[in-house]
Amino acid sequence: MIEMILNKVAILPLHDPEYSAGGIYIPDMARERCDQGIVKAIGPQVIEKLPELRPGDHVLYGGWEGSVVELDGEHKFIVMEASRIRAIIHPPDIGIVPGVFFLDREGKPFPATFETIQSLIADAIQESDWGKIVMGKGYLLKKQVEKGGY
């Protein structure tokens, strides 16, 4: 766990994927420096001066801001002054799905939105064997269809 001091924040960067939807590898040099992430820890001065910023917030910042810090056994973090954060991104409220709930990390239920359910279904398809064939190697699907499969 990382604990921040003064007006500093630790952000877990959200990097662009290594592969495009068509399965094409995108090298590190071609990907832009990350400019968004999830706040993981905030210093005591941030709590006083920016009470709207909390751990777990999805934020935008300058792509070349902060210092990259890697801790043993943890992810790489970007550490910067809280004033360098440009915006907090709030997820759109697409609509609550009646009767469907998820549990947060503390075990408290919260209502599911159509967007959350849609995202979970997309993730499940991409992780399935069938989804990997369709998303990553379209030619395999074509060959299977020619053989009478799928």
Protein backbone atom coordinates (compact mmCIF):
# COMPACT_ATOMS: atom_id res chain seq x y z
CA MET A 1 0.00 0.00 0.00
CA ILE A 2 1.20 3.48 -0.77
CA GLU A 3 0.57 6.43 1.58
CA MET A 4 0.91 9.91 0.16
CA ILE A 5 2.20 13.04 1.91
CA LEU A 6 1.24 16.70 1.66
CA ASN A 7 -0.61 17.56 -1.57
CA LYS A 8 0.41 14.49 -3.56
CA VAL A 9 -1.75 11.85 -5.22
CA ALA A 10 -0.92 8.38 -6.49
CA ILE A 11 -2.70 7.40 -9.69
CA LEU A 12 -2.91 3.97 -11.28
CA PRO A 13 -2.61 4.80 -15.00
CA LEU A 14 -5.10 3.38 -17.50
CA HIS A 15 -2.99 2.53 -20.53
CA ASP A 16 -4.20 1.99 -24.07
CA PRO A 17 -4.46 -1.72 -24.93
CA GLU A 18 -1.49 -3.52 -26.52
CA TYR A 19 -3.71 -4.91 -29.27
CA SER A 20 -6.33 -3.26 -31.44
CA ALA A 21 -9.81 -4.78 -31.75
CA GLY A 22 -8.58 -6.49 -34.94
CA GLY A 23 -5.71 -8.18 -33.12
CA ILE A 24 -2.96 -5.87 -34.40
CA TYR A 25 -0.11 -5.34 -31.91
CA ILE A 26 0.50 -1.68 -31.01
CA PRO A 27 4.11 -1.15 -29.80
CA ASP A 28 4.85 1.07 -26.80
CA MET A 29 6.44 3.74 -29.01
CA ALA A 30 3.21 4.12 -30.99
CA ARG A 31 1.00 4.44 -27.94
CA GLU A 32 0.69 7.85 -26.34
CA ARG A 33 1.69 8.43 -22.74
CA CYS A 34 -1.23 7.70 -20.47
CA ASP A 35 -3.36 10.73 -19.55
CA GLN A 36 -6.01 9.13 -17.37
CA GLY A 37 -6.16 6.84 -14.39
CA ILE A 38 -7.71 5.85 -11.09
CA VAL A 39 -6.76 7.69 -7.90
CA LYS A 40 -5.31 5.16 -5.44
CA ALA A 41 -4.05 7.36 -2.59
CA ILE A 42 -4.20 11.02 -1.60
CA GLY A 43 -2.20 13.13 0.84
CA PRO A 44 -3.70 14.93 3.87
CA GLN A 45 -3.56 18.38 2.25
CA VAL A 46 -5.56 17.08 -0.71
CA ILE A 47 -8.33 15.97 1.65
CA GLU A 48 -8.51 19.51 3.07
CA LYS A 49 -8.17 21.49 -0.17
CA LEU A 50 -9.95 19.21 -2.68
CA PRO A 51 -12.64 17.32 -0.75
CA GLU A 52 -14.32 16.28 -4.02
CA LEU A 53 -11.27 14.15 -4.98
CA ARG A 54 -11.36 10.68 -3.46
CA PRO A 55 -9.57 7.37 -3.96
CA GLY A 56 -11.30 5.43 -6.71
CA ASP A 57 -12.06 8.51 -8.83
CA HIS A 58 -11.36 8.29 -12.56
CA VAL A 59 -9.28 11.37 -13.45
CA LEU A 60 -7.63 13.12 -16.40
CA TYR A 61 -4.18 14.68 -16.13
CA GLY A 62 -1.44 15.88 -18.47
CA GLY A 63 0.18 12.91 -20.19
CA TRP A 64 3.68 13.93 -19.13
CA GLU A 65 2.82 15.00 -15.57
CA GLY A 66 4.19 13.35 -12.45
CA SER A 67 6.78 10.70 -11.76
CA VAL A 68 6.37 7.00 -12.49
CA VAL A 69 6.95 4.92 -9.35
CA GLU A 70 7.02 1.14 -9.26
CA LEU A 71 6.64 -0.63 -5.94
CA ASP A 72 7.56 -4.27 -5.32
CA GLY A 73 4.50 -6.45 -5.61
CA GLU A 74 2.29 -3.56 -6.76
CA HIS A 75 1.53 -1.73 -9.97
CA LYS A 76 3.28 1.27 -11.41
CA PHE A 77 1.85 4.52 -10.05
CA ILE A 78 2.11 8.07 -11.25
CA VAL A 79 2.76 10.41 -8.33
CA MET A 80 1.96 14.11 -8.82
CA GLU A 81 0.58 17.18 -7.11
CA ALA A 82 -3.21 17.11 -6.90
CA SER A 83 -3.36 20.50 -8.65
CA ARG A 84 -2.09 18.79 -11.83
CA ILE A 85 -5.31 16.80 -12.16
CA ARG A 86 -7.41 18.41 -14.87
CA ALA A 87 -10.77 16.71 -14.39
CA ILE A 88 -12.70 14.02 -12.56
CA ILE A 89 -14.69 11.79 -14.89
CA HIS A 90 -18.06 10.75 -13.51
CA PRO A 91 -19.67 7.78 -15.24
CA PRO A 92 -22.92 8.55 -17.03
CA ASP A 93 -26.09 7.44 -15.31
CA ILE A 94 -27.60 5.40 -18.11
CA GLY A 95 -30.23 3.89 -15.91
CA ILE A 96 -30.66 1.51 -13.07
CA VAL A 97 -31.67 -2.06 -13.89
CA PRO A 98 -34.47 -2.95 -11.46
CA GLY A 99 -33.67 -5.89 -9.19
CA VAL A 100 -30.02 -6.31 -10.24
CA PHE A 101 -27.32 -5.46 -7.70
CA PHE A 102 -23.56 -5.85 -7.37
CA LEU A 103 -21.43 -5.90 -4.24
CA ASP A 104 -18.64 -3.38 -3.67
CA ARG A 105 -15.34 -4.29 -2.00
CA GLU A 106 -16.88 -3.87 1.45
CA GLY A 107 -19.76 -6.19 0.54
CA LYS A 108 -22.37 -3.42 0.32
CA PRO A 109 -24.88 -3.80 -2.52
CA PHE A 110 -25.26 -1.12 -5.17
CA PRO A 111 -27.70 -1.07 -8.12
CA ALA A 112 -26.47 -2.17 -11.54
CA THR A 113 -26.71 0.11 -14.55
CA PHE A 114 -27.25 -0.95 -18.15
CA GLU A 115 -23.71 0.25 -18.90
CA THR A 116 -22.18 -1.95 -16.16
CA ILE A 117 -24.08 -5.02 -17.31
CA GLN A 118 -23.16 -4.34 -20.93
CA SER A 119 -19.50 -4.05 -19.98
CA LEU A 120 -19.58 -7.34 -18.02
CA ILE A 121 -21.18 -9.15 -20.94
CA ALA A 122 -18.57 -7.74 -23.36
CA ASP A 123 -15.75 -8.83 -21.02
CA ALA A 124 -17.24 -12.33 -20.70
CA ILE A 125 -17.49 -12.69 -24.49
CA GLN A 126 -13.91 -11.52 -25.03
CA GLU A 127 -12.61 -13.97 -22.41
CA SER A 128 -14.53 -16.95 -23.79
CA ASP A 129 -12.89 -19.32 -26.29
CA TRP A 130 -15.47 -18.37 -28.87
CA GLY A 131 -14.91 -14.65 -28.27
CA LYS A 132 -11.14 -14.99 -28.63
CA ILE A 133 -11.58 -16.66 -32.00
CA VAL A 134 -14.03 -14.03 -33.23
CA MET A 135 -12.20 -10.98 -31.84
CA GLY A 136 -8.61 -12.04 -32.41
CA LYS A 137 -8.48 -14.37 -35.37
CA GLY A 138 -11.37 -13.85 -37.76
CA TYR A 139 -9.85 -16.17 -40.34
CA LEU A 140 -10.26 -19.13 -37.97
CA LEU A 141 -13.96 -18.41 -37.73
CA LYS A 142 -14.22 -18.24 -41.53
CA LYS A 143 -12.46 -21.62 -41.86
CA GLN A 144 -14.73 -23.17 -39.23
CA VAL A 145 -17.81 -21.87 -41.06
CA GLU A 146 -16.49 -23.31 -44.35
CA LYS A 147 -16.14 -26.68 -42.61
CA GLY A 148 -19.71 -26.43 -41.33
CA GLY A 149 -18.83 -25.50 -37.74
CA TYR A 150 -20.15 -22.68 -35.57
